[in-house]
Every structure is written in structure tokens, then in C-alpha cells.
C-alpha atoms as a PDB file:
ATOM      1  CA  MET A   1      14.641  -2.685 -10.768  1.00  0.00           C
ATOM      2  CA  ALA A   2      12.574  -5.425  -9.425  1.00  0.00           C
ATOM      3  CA  GLY A   3      11.800  -6.386  -5.778  1.00  0.00           C
ATOM      4  CA  ILE A   4      12.254  -3.225  -4.131  1.00  0.00           C
ATOM      5  CA  LEU A   5      10.586  -2.502  -0.865  1.00  0.00           C
ATOM      6  CA  ILE A   6      10.852   0.291   1.340  1.00  0.00           C
ATOM      7  CA  THR A   7      10.164   0.041   4.715  1.00  0.00           C
ATOM      8  CA  ASP A   8      10.268   2.018   8.254  1.00  0.00           C
ATOM      9  CA  THR A   9      12.923   1.350  10.570  1.00  0.00           C
ATOM     10  CA  ARG A  10      11.197  -1.426  12.207  1.00  0.00           C
ATOM     11  CA  MET A  11       9.765  -3.034   9.565  1.00  0.00           C
ATOM     12  CA  GLN A  12       5.882  -2.214  10.256  1.00  0.00           C
ATOM     13  CA  ARG A  13       5.269  -0.437   6.813  1.00  0.00           C
ATOM     14  CA  ILE A  14       6.153  -1.546   4.000  1.00  0.00           C
ATOM     15  CA  HIS A  15       5.832   0.167   0.429  1.00  0.00           C
ATOM     16  CA  HIS A  16       6.301  -2.271  -3.114  1.00  0.00           C
ATOM     17  CA  PRO A  17       6.228  -0.333  -6.048  1.00  0.00           C
ATOM     18  CA  TYR A  18       5.838  -2.190  -9.077  1.00  0.00           C
ATOM     19  CA  ASP A  19       4.990  -1.752 -12.927  1.00  0.00           C
ATOM     20  CA  GLY A  20       1.436  -0.555 -12.512  1.00  0.00           C
ATOM     21  CA  GLY A  21       1.054   0.236  -9.058  1.00  0.00           C
ATOM     22  CA  ALA A  22       2.217  -0.561  -5.925  1.00  0.00           C
ATOM     23  CA  ASP A  23       0.853  -2.587  -2.779  1.00  0.00           C
ATOM     24  CA  VAL A  24       1.397  -1.067   0.899  1.00  0.00           C
ATOM     25  CA  PHE A  25       1.462  -2.558   4.199  1.00  0.00           C
ATOM     26  CA  LEU A  26       0.378  -1.311   7.260  1.00  0.00           C
ATOM     27  CA  ALA A  27       1.183  -1.866  11.031  1.00  0.00           C
ATOM     28  CA  THR A  28      -2.860  -1.593  11.686  1.00  0.00           C
ATOM     29  CA  SER A  29      -6.120  -1.833   9.870  1.00  0.00           C
ATOM     30  CA  ASP A  30      -6.934   1.543  11.732  1.00  0.00           C
ATOM     31  CA  GLU A  31      -3.924   3.007   9.558  1.00  0.00           C
ATOM     32  CA  ARG A  32      -5.044   0.961   6.452  1.00  0.00           C
ATOM     33  CA  ASP A  33      -8.939   2.489   6.702  1.00  0.00           C
ATOM     34  CA  ARG A  34      -7.352   5.791   7.292  1.00  0.00           C
ATOM     35  CA  MET A  35      -4.790   5.548   4.085  1.00  0.00           C
ATOM     36  CA  ARG A  36      -7.554   3.510   1.810  1.00  0.00           C
ATOM     37  CA  ASP A  37      -9.596   6.823   3.030  1.00  0.00           C
ATOM     38  CA  ARG A  38      -7.146   9.615   2.352  1.00  0.00           C
ATOM     39  CA  HIS A  39      -6.235   8.183  -0.818  1.00  0.00           C
ATOM     40  CA  ALA A  40      -9.417   6.383  -2.442  1.00  0.00           C
ATOM     41  CA  ASP A  41      -8.211   7.797  -5.881  1.00  0.00           C
ATOM     42  CA  TRP A  42      -5.582   5.481  -5.549  1.00  0.00           C
ATOM     43  CA  LEU A  43      -7.682   2.184  -5.709  1.00  0.00           C
ATOM     44  CA  SER A  44      -8.045   0.127  -8.261  1.00  0.00           C
ATOM     45  CA  GLY A  45     -11.763   0.331 -10.229  1.00  0.00           C
ATOM     46  CA  HIS A  46     -11.650  -3.631  -9.931  1.00  0.00           C
ATOM     47  CA  PRO A  47     -14.809  -4.910  -7.588  1.00  0.00           C
ATOM     48  CA  SER A  48     -12.370  -7.071  -5.893  1.00  0.00           C
ATOM     49  CA  GLY A  49     -10.091  -3.557  -4.846  1.00  0.00           C
ATOM     50  CA  LEU A  50      -7.382  -5.351  -6.550  1.00  0.00           C
END
């Protein structure tokens, strides 16, 4: 199924899965940095990080 967004009840965090990956939108840059550091192996190997 396409176009799925999974959110918390206040819509401050969004998970958007798709074929080949997912996008994650978090409430703060600190939260983003913690997620990036904790799950570095999930990130793209492309130099831009995309």
C-alpha cells in the first residue's frame, strides 16, 4: 500500500516507509542526531546521505 504515514498522536514524529527505505521526521534536531547515531547502519552510503 502506498502513501502510508505512521505518526505519534501529536504528529511530532513521522515514519514514512517505502520500497527501498523509509523517511523519519523527528521533533527536534537533538532527537534526530540521537537516532542517526544509534542507527548509523540504517543510513544510505551515498555521500549526501540520501
